[in-house]
Amino acid sequence: MGETKCKCPTCEKREAEELEANEMNFAILVALVPVLTITLFNTVGLL
């Protein structure tokens, strides 16, 4: 909790890249949810 963040350009660039990667991974996950849901319903026989 008492962690101090480094303000050097290298660490700031790495942090920005990690944030961008996390946002992209979340977007992919959200995009796959409907596909997985439809697949599940088709497998169970509800659609």
N, C-alpha and C. Protein backbone atom coordinates (compact mmCIF):
# COMPACT_ATOMS: atom_id res chain seq x y z
N MET A 1 0.82 -1.19 0.00
CA MET A 1 0.00 0.00 0.00
C MET A 1 0.86 1.26 0.00
N GLY A 2 1.95 1.25 0.74
CA GLY A 2 2.81 2.41 0.81
C GLY A 2 3.84 2.42 -0.31
N GLU A 3 3.50 1.80 -1.41
CA GLU A 3 4.42 1.67 -2.53
C GLU A 3 4.57 3.01 -3.26
N THR A 4 5.82 3.42 -3.48
CA THR A 4 6.05 4.66 -4.22
C THR A 4 6.31 4.31 -5.67
N LYS A 5 5.78 5.13 -6.58
CA LYS A 5 5.95 4.88 -8.00
C LYS A 5 7.17 5.64 -8.51
N CYS A 6 7.91 4.97 -9.36
CA CYS A 6 9.07 5.57 -9.99
C CYS A 6 8.59 6.53 -11.08
N LYS A 7 9.22 7.67 -11.19
CA LYS A 7 8.80 8.69 -12.16
C LYS A 7 9.73 8.76 -13.37
N CYS A 8 10.60 7.78 -13.53
CA CYS A 8 11.52 7.83 -14.67
C CYS A 8 10.75 7.52 -15.96
N PRO A 9 11.22 8.00 -17.10
CA PRO A 9 10.52 7.80 -18.37
C PRO A 9 10.32 6.33 -18.73
N THR A 10 11.29 5.48 -18.39
CA THR A 10 11.18 4.06 -18.71
C THR A 10 10.02 3.42 -17.97
N CYS A 11 9.90 3.71 -16.68
CA CYS A 11 8.82 3.13 -15.88
C CYS A 11 7.46 3.68 -16.29
N GLU A 12 7.41 4.96 -16.62
CA GLU A 12 6.14 5.55 -17.06
C GLU A 12 5.70 4.94 -18.39
N LYS A 13 6.65 4.70 -19.30
CA LYS A 13 6.32 4.09 -20.59
C LYS A 13 5.83 2.66 -20.38
N ARG A 14 6.51 1.91 -19.51
CA ARG A 14 6.10 0.54 -19.23
C ARG A 14 4.71 0.49 -18.62
N GLU A 15 4.42 1.40 -17.70
CA GLU A 15 3.10 1.45 -17.08
C GLU A 15 2.01 1.77 -18.10
N ALA A 16 2.29 2.68 -19.03
CA ALA A 16 1.32 3.02 -20.06
C ALA A 16 1.07 1.83 -21.00
N GLU A 17 2.13 1.10 -21.34
CA GLU A 17 1.99 -0.07 -22.20
C GLU A 17 1.19 -1.16 -21.50
N GLU A 18 1.42 -1.37 -20.20
CA GLU A 18 0.67 -2.37 -19.45
C GLU A 18 -0.80 -2.00 -19.37
N LEU A 19 -1.09 -0.73 -19.17
CA LEU A 19 -2.48 -0.29 -19.12
C LEU A 19 -3.18 -0.51 -20.45
N GLU A 20 -2.48 -0.20 -21.54
CA GLU A 20 -3.05 -0.40 -22.88
C GLU A 20 -3.29 -1.89 -23.15
N ALA A 21 -2.36 -2.74 -22.74
CA ALA A 21 -2.52 -4.18 -22.94
C ALA A 21 -3.69 -4.70 -22.13
N ASN A 22 -3.85 -4.22 -20.90
CA ASN A 22 -4.98 -4.65 -20.07
C ASN A 22 -6.30 -4.23 -20.69
N GLU A 23 -6.37 -3.04 -21.24
CA GLU A 23 -7.61 -2.58 -21.88
C GLU A 23 -7.92 -3.42 -23.10
N MET A 24 -6.92 -3.79 -23.88
CA MET A 24 -7.14 -4.61 -25.06
C MET A 24 -7.60 -6.00 -24.66
N ASN A 25 -7.01 -6.58 -23.64
CA ASN A 25 -7.43 -7.90 -23.18
C ASN A 25 -8.87 -7.88 -22.69
N PHE A 26 -9.26 -6.83 -21.99
CA PHE A 26 -10.63 -6.71 -21.51
C PHE A 26 -11.60 -6.58 -22.68
N ALA A 27 -11.22 -5.81 -23.71
CA ALA A 27 -12.08 -5.65 -24.88
C ALA A 27 -12.28 -6.97 -25.61
N ILE A 28 -11.23 -7.76 -25.72
CA ILE A 28 -11.34 -9.07 -26.36
C ILE A 28 -12.25 -9.98 -25.55
N LEU A 29 -12.10 -9.97 -24.24
CA LEU A 29 -12.94 -10.78 -23.38
C LEU A 29 -14.41 -10.40 -23.52
N VAL A 30 -14.70 -9.11 -23.53
CA VAL A 30 -16.08 -8.65 -23.67
C VAL A 30 -16.63 -9.03 -25.04
N ALA A 31 -15.81 -9.00 -26.07
CA ALA A 31 -16.26 -9.37 -27.41
C ALA A 31 -16.55 -10.87 -27.50
N LEU A 32 -15.86 -11.69 -26.74
CA LEU A 32 -16.05 -13.14 -26.82
C LEU A 32 -17.23 -13.64 -25.99
N VAL A 33 -17.70 -12.88 -25.04
CA VAL A 33 -18.78 -13.33 -24.17
C VAL A 33 -20.04 -13.71 -24.96
N PRO A 34 -20.53 -12.90 -25.91
CA PRO A 34 -21.72 -13.31 -26.65
C PRO A 34 -21.51 -14.60 -27.45
N VAL A 35 -20.34 -14.76 -28.03
CA VAL A 35 -20.04 -15.97 -28.80
C VAL A 35 -20.08 -17.19 -27.90
N LEU A 36 -19.46 -17.08 -26.73
CA LEU A 36 -19.46 -18.20 -25.81
C LEU A 36 -20.86 -18.51 -25.29
N THR A 37 -21.65 -17.48 -25.05
CA THR A 37 -23.02 -17.68 -24.57
C THR A 37 -23.86 -18.39 -25.62
N ILE A 38 -23.78 -17.95 -26.87
CA ILE A 38 -24.55 -18.59 -27.95
C ILE A 38 -24.10 -20.03 -28.13
N THR A 39 -22.80 -20.28 -28.05
CA THR A 39 -22.29 -21.63 -28.18
C THR A 39 -22.83 -22.51 -27.06
N LEU A 40 -22.84 -22.00 -25.86
CA LEU A 40 -23.36 -22.76 -24.73
C LEU A 40 -24.84 -23.08 -24.93
N PHE A 41 -25.62 -22.10 -25.32
CA PHE A 41 -27.06 -22.33 -25.53
C PHE A 41 -27.30 -23.32 -26.67
N ASN A 42 -26.52 -23.25 -27.72
CA ASN A 42 -26.66 -24.21 -28.82
C ASN A 42 -26.32 -25.62 -28.36
N THR A 43 -25.30 -25.74 -27.54
CA THR A 43 -24.90 -27.05 -27.04
C THR A 43 -25.98 -27.65 -26.15
N VAL A 44 -26.59 -26.84 -25.32
CA VAL A 44 -27.63 -27.30 -24.41
C VAL A 44 -28.94 -27.55 -25.18
N GLY A 45 -29.11 -26.88 -26.29
CA GLY A 45 -30.31 -27.07 -27.11
C GLY A 45 -31.38 -26.05 -26.86
N LEU A 46 -31.02 -24.90 -26.33
CA LEU A 46 -32.01 -23.85 -26.04
C LEU A 46 -32.29 -22.95 -27.23
N LEU A 47 -31.41 -22.95 -28.22
CA LEU A 47 -31.64 -22.10 -29.40
C LEU A 47 -31.95 -22.95 -30.61
